[in-house]
Amino acid sequence: MAKENKHPLSIPESADNAEESIKCPYCGTMFGIGYSNDDVVACPVCDENILTEEAETIYSSNEGF
C-alpha cells in the first residue's frame, strides 16, 4: 500500500533528468526519442520503422552511469 505522496514500487519516481526511450522490437536497441511527436521513428541501428504507440517505453537517466 502506498503512503501519502509516495509512489508504489511498481511506479517509481523518475529521475530529474529522465528522458523517454523506446526499445526496438527487431534488434532490441534502446534509444531516446527526445521531443519527437512522430507516430513512427526509425531505429538508429537496424533502420526499421517503429510505431511509438506500440513500442516498449522507459524513462531513464540520460547520464551515462
N, C-alpha and C. Protein backbone atom coordinates (compact mmCIF):
# COMPACT_ATOMS: atom_id res chain seq x y z
N MET A 1 0.84 -1.17 0.00
CA MET A 1 0.00 0.00 0.00
C MET A 1 0.90 1.25 0.00
N ALA A 2 0.57 2.22 -0.80
CA ALA A 2 1.39 3.42 -0.93
C ALA A 2 1.09 4.41 0.19
N LYS A 3 2.16 5.00 0.70
CA LYS A 3 1.98 6.06 1.69
C LYS A 3 1.58 7.33 0.97
N GLU A 4 1.06 8.27 1.73
CA GLU A 4 0.63 9.53 1.14
C GLU A 4 1.81 10.22 0.43
N ASN A 5 1.57 10.70 -0.78
CA ASN A 5 2.57 11.39 -1.62
C ASN A 5 3.75 10.51 -2.00
N LYS A 6 3.64 9.20 -1.91
CA LYS A 6 4.69 8.29 -2.33
C LYS A 6 4.15 7.37 -3.42
N HIS A 7 5.00 7.06 -4.37
CA HIS A 7 4.61 6.14 -5.43
C HIS A 7 4.80 4.71 -4.96
N PRO A 8 3.94 3.78 -5.39
CA PRO A 8 4.17 2.37 -5.08
C PRO A 8 5.41 1.89 -5.82
N LEU A 9 5.97 0.77 -5.43
CA LEU A 9 7.19 0.26 -6.05
C LEU A 9 7.01 -0.03 -7.53
N SER A 10 5.81 -0.36 -7.95
CA SER A 10 5.59 -0.67 -9.35
C SER A 10 5.63 0.57 -10.24
N ILE A 11 5.51 1.75 -9.65
CA ILE A 11 5.58 3.01 -10.40
C ILE A 11 6.57 3.93 -9.69
N PRO A 12 7.88 3.66 -9.84
CA PRO A 12 8.86 4.51 -9.14
C PRO A 12 8.92 5.91 -9.74
N GLU A 13 9.36 6.85 -8.94
CA GLU A 13 9.52 8.22 -9.44
C GLU A 13 10.65 8.26 -10.45
N SER A 14 10.50 9.13 -11.44
CA SER A 14 11.53 9.28 -12.46
C SER A 14 12.61 10.24 -11.98
N ALA A 15 13.81 10.06 -12.47
CA ALA A 15 14.90 10.97 -12.16
C ALA A 15 14.61 12.33 -12.79
N ASP A 16 15.22 13.37 -12.25
CA ASP A 16 15.02 14.73 -12.78
C ASP A 16 15.45 14.83 -14.24
N ASN A 17 16.43 14.03 -14.62
CA ASN A 17 16.95 14.10 -15.97
C ASN A 17 16.48 12.93 -16.84
N ALA A 18 15.35 12.32 -16.48
CA ALA A 18 14.83 11.17 -17.23
C ALA A 18 14.33 11.61 -18.60
N GLU A 19 14.62 10.79 -19.58
CA GLU A 19 14.13 11.05 -20.92
C GLU A 19 13.45 9.79 -21.46
N GLU A 20 12.52 9.99 -22.36
CA GLU A 20 11.76 8.87 -22.89
C GLU A 20 12.60 8.09 -23.91
N SER A 21 12.68 6.79 -23.70
CA SER A 21 13.38 5.91 -24.62
C SER A 21 12.45 4.77 -25.00
N ILE A 22 12.66 4.21 -26.17
CA ILE A 22 11.88 3.05 -26.59
C ILE A 22 12.82 1.92 -26.98
N LYS A 23 12.29 0.71 -26.94
CA LYS A 23 13.06 -0.47 -27.29
C LYS A 23 12.63 -0.94 -28.67
N CYS A 24 13.60 -1.15 -29.54
CA CYS A 24 13.31 -1.63 -30.89
C CYS A 24 12.90 -3.10 -30.79
N PRO A 25 11.72 -3.46 -31.31
CA PRO A 25 11.27 -4.85 -31.24
C PRO A 25 12.02 -5.77 -32.20
N TYR A 26 12.81 -5.21 -33.12
CA TYR A 26 13.53 -6.01 -34.10
C TYR A 26 14.94 -6.38 -33.63
N CYS A 27 15.68 -5.40 -33.09
CA CYS A 27 17.07 -5.68 -32.70
C CYS A 27 17.32 -5.51 -31.20
N GLY A 28 16.36 -4.93 -30.47
CA GLY A 28 16.48 -4.80 -29.02
C GLY A 28 17.22 -3.56 -28.55
N THR A 29 17.61 -2.69 -29.44
CA THR A 29 18.32 -1.47 -29.06
C THR A 29 17.39 -0.50 -28.35
N MET A 30 17.87 0.09 -27.25
CA MET A 30 17.13 1.15 -26.56
C MET A 30 17.68 2.49 -27.07
N PHE A 31 16.80 3.39 -27.45
CA PHE A 31 17.25 4.71 -27.91
C PHE A 31 16.23 5.76 -27.53
N GLY A 32 16.73 6.96 -27.28
CA GLY A 32 15.87 8.07 -26.90
C GLY A 32 15.15 8.64 -28.10
N ILE A 33 13.90 9.05 -27.87
CA ILE A 33 13.16 9.68 -28.97
C ILE A 33 13.09 11.19 -28.79
N GLY A 34 13.66 11.69 -27.69
CA GLY A 34 13.72 13.13 -27.47
C GLY A 34 12.36 13.77 -27.43
N TYR A 35 12.22 14.88 -28.11
CA TYR A 35 10.96 15.62 -28.12
C TYR A 35 10.13 15.32 -29.35
N SER A 36 10.44 14.24 -30.03
CA SER A 36 9.73 13.88 -31.24
C SER A 36 8.29 13.48 -30.93
N ASN A 37 7.36 14.02 -31.67
CA ASN A 37 5.95 13.65 -31.54
C ASN A 37 5.51 12.78 -32.70
N ASP A 38 6.47 12.23 -33.44
CA ASP A 38 6.16 11.40 -34.60
C ASP A 38 5.52 10.09 -34.16
N ASP A 39 4.62 9.58 -34.98
CA ASP A 39 3.99 8.29 -34.71
C ASP A 39 4.91 7.13 -35.08
N VAL A 40 5.84 7.38 -35.99
CA VAL A 40 6.77 6.35 -36.45
C VAL A 40 8.19 6.92 -36.38
N VAL A 41 9.10 6.14 -35.79
CA VAL A 41 10.51 6.53 -35.75
C VAL A 41 11.34 5.40 -36.34
N ALA A 42 12.52 5.72 -36.82
CA ALA A 42 13.43 4.72 -37.38
C ALA A 42 14.49 4.37 -36.35
N CYS A 43 14.74 3.08 -36.17
CA CYS A 43 15.78 2.62 -35.25
C CYS A 43 17.13 3.05 -35.81
N PRO A 44 18.00 3.63 -34.98
CA PRO A 44 19.31 4.08 -35.48
C PRO A 44 20.27 2.93 -35.79
N VAL A 45 19.97 1.71 -35.33
CA VAL A 45 20.86 0.57 -35.56
C VAL A 45 20.42 -0.26 -36.77
N CYS A 46 19.16 -0.73 -36.75
CA CYS A 46 18.70 -1.61 -37.84
C CYS A 46 17.85 -0.89 -38.88
N ASP A 47 17.51 0.37 -38.64
CA ASP A 47 16.78 1.23 -39.57
C ASP A 47 15.35 0.76 -39.85
N GLU A 48 14.77 -0.07 -38.96
CA GLU A 48 13.38 -0.49 -39.08
C GLU A 48 12.47 0.63 -38.56
N ASN A 49 11.30 0.77 -39.15
CA ASN A 49 10.32 1.74 -38.69
C ASN A 49 9.54 1.16 -37.52
N ILE A 50 9.37 1.95 -36.44
CA ILE A 50 8.74 1.50 -35.21
C ILE A 50 7.60 2.45 -34.88
N LEU A 51 6.43 1.90 -34.59
CA LEU A 51 5.30 2.70 -34.13
C LEU A 51 5.53 3.04 -32.66
N THR A 52 5.60 4.32 -32.33
CA THR A 52 5.92 4.72 -30.96
C THR A 52 4.82 4.33 -29.98
N GLU A 53 3.58 4.24 -30.43
CA GLU A 53 2.47 3.86 -29.54
C GLU A 53 2.55 2.40 -29.13
N GLU A 54 3.15 1.54 -29.96
CA GLU A 54 3.20 0.11 -29.68
C GLU A 54 4.53 -0.33 -29.08
N ALA A 55 5.53 0.54 -29.07
CA ALA A 55 6.85 0.17 -28.57
C ALA A 55 6.90 0.21 -27.05
N GLU A 56 7.81 -0.60 -26.46
CA GLU A 56 8.03 -0.55 -25.02
C GLU A 56 8.71 0.76 -24.70
N THR A 57 8.18 1.49 -23.72
CA THR A 57 8.70 2.81 -23.35
C THR A 57 9.29 2.75 -21.95
N ILE A 58 10.42 3.41 -21.78
CA ILE A 58 11.05 3.51 -20.46
C ILE A 58 11.56 4.94 -20.30
N TYR A 59 11.49 5.44 -19.08
CA TYR A 59 12.03 6.76 -18.78
C TYR A 59 13.29 6.53 -17.95
N SER A 60 14.43 6.86 -18.51
CA SER A 60 15.69 6.61 -17.82
C SER A 60 16.57 7.84 -17.86
N SER A 61 17.57 7.82 -17.00
CA SER A 61 18.50 8.92 -16.91
C SER A 61 19.30 9.05 -18.20
N ASN A 62 19.59 10.28 -18.58
CA ASN A 62 20.42 10.49 -19.76
C ASN A 62 21.89 10.62 -19.40
N GLU A 63 22.24 10.36 -18.15
CA GLU A 63 23.62 10.34 -17.70
C GLU A 63 24.18 8.94 -17.94
N GLY A 64 25.38 8.81 -18.35
CA GLY A 64 25.96 7.51 -18.69
C GLY A 64 26.52 6.74 -17.51
N PHE A 65 25.73 6.52 -16.49
CA PHE A 65 26.23 5.82 -15.30
C PHE A 65 26.28 4.34 -15.52
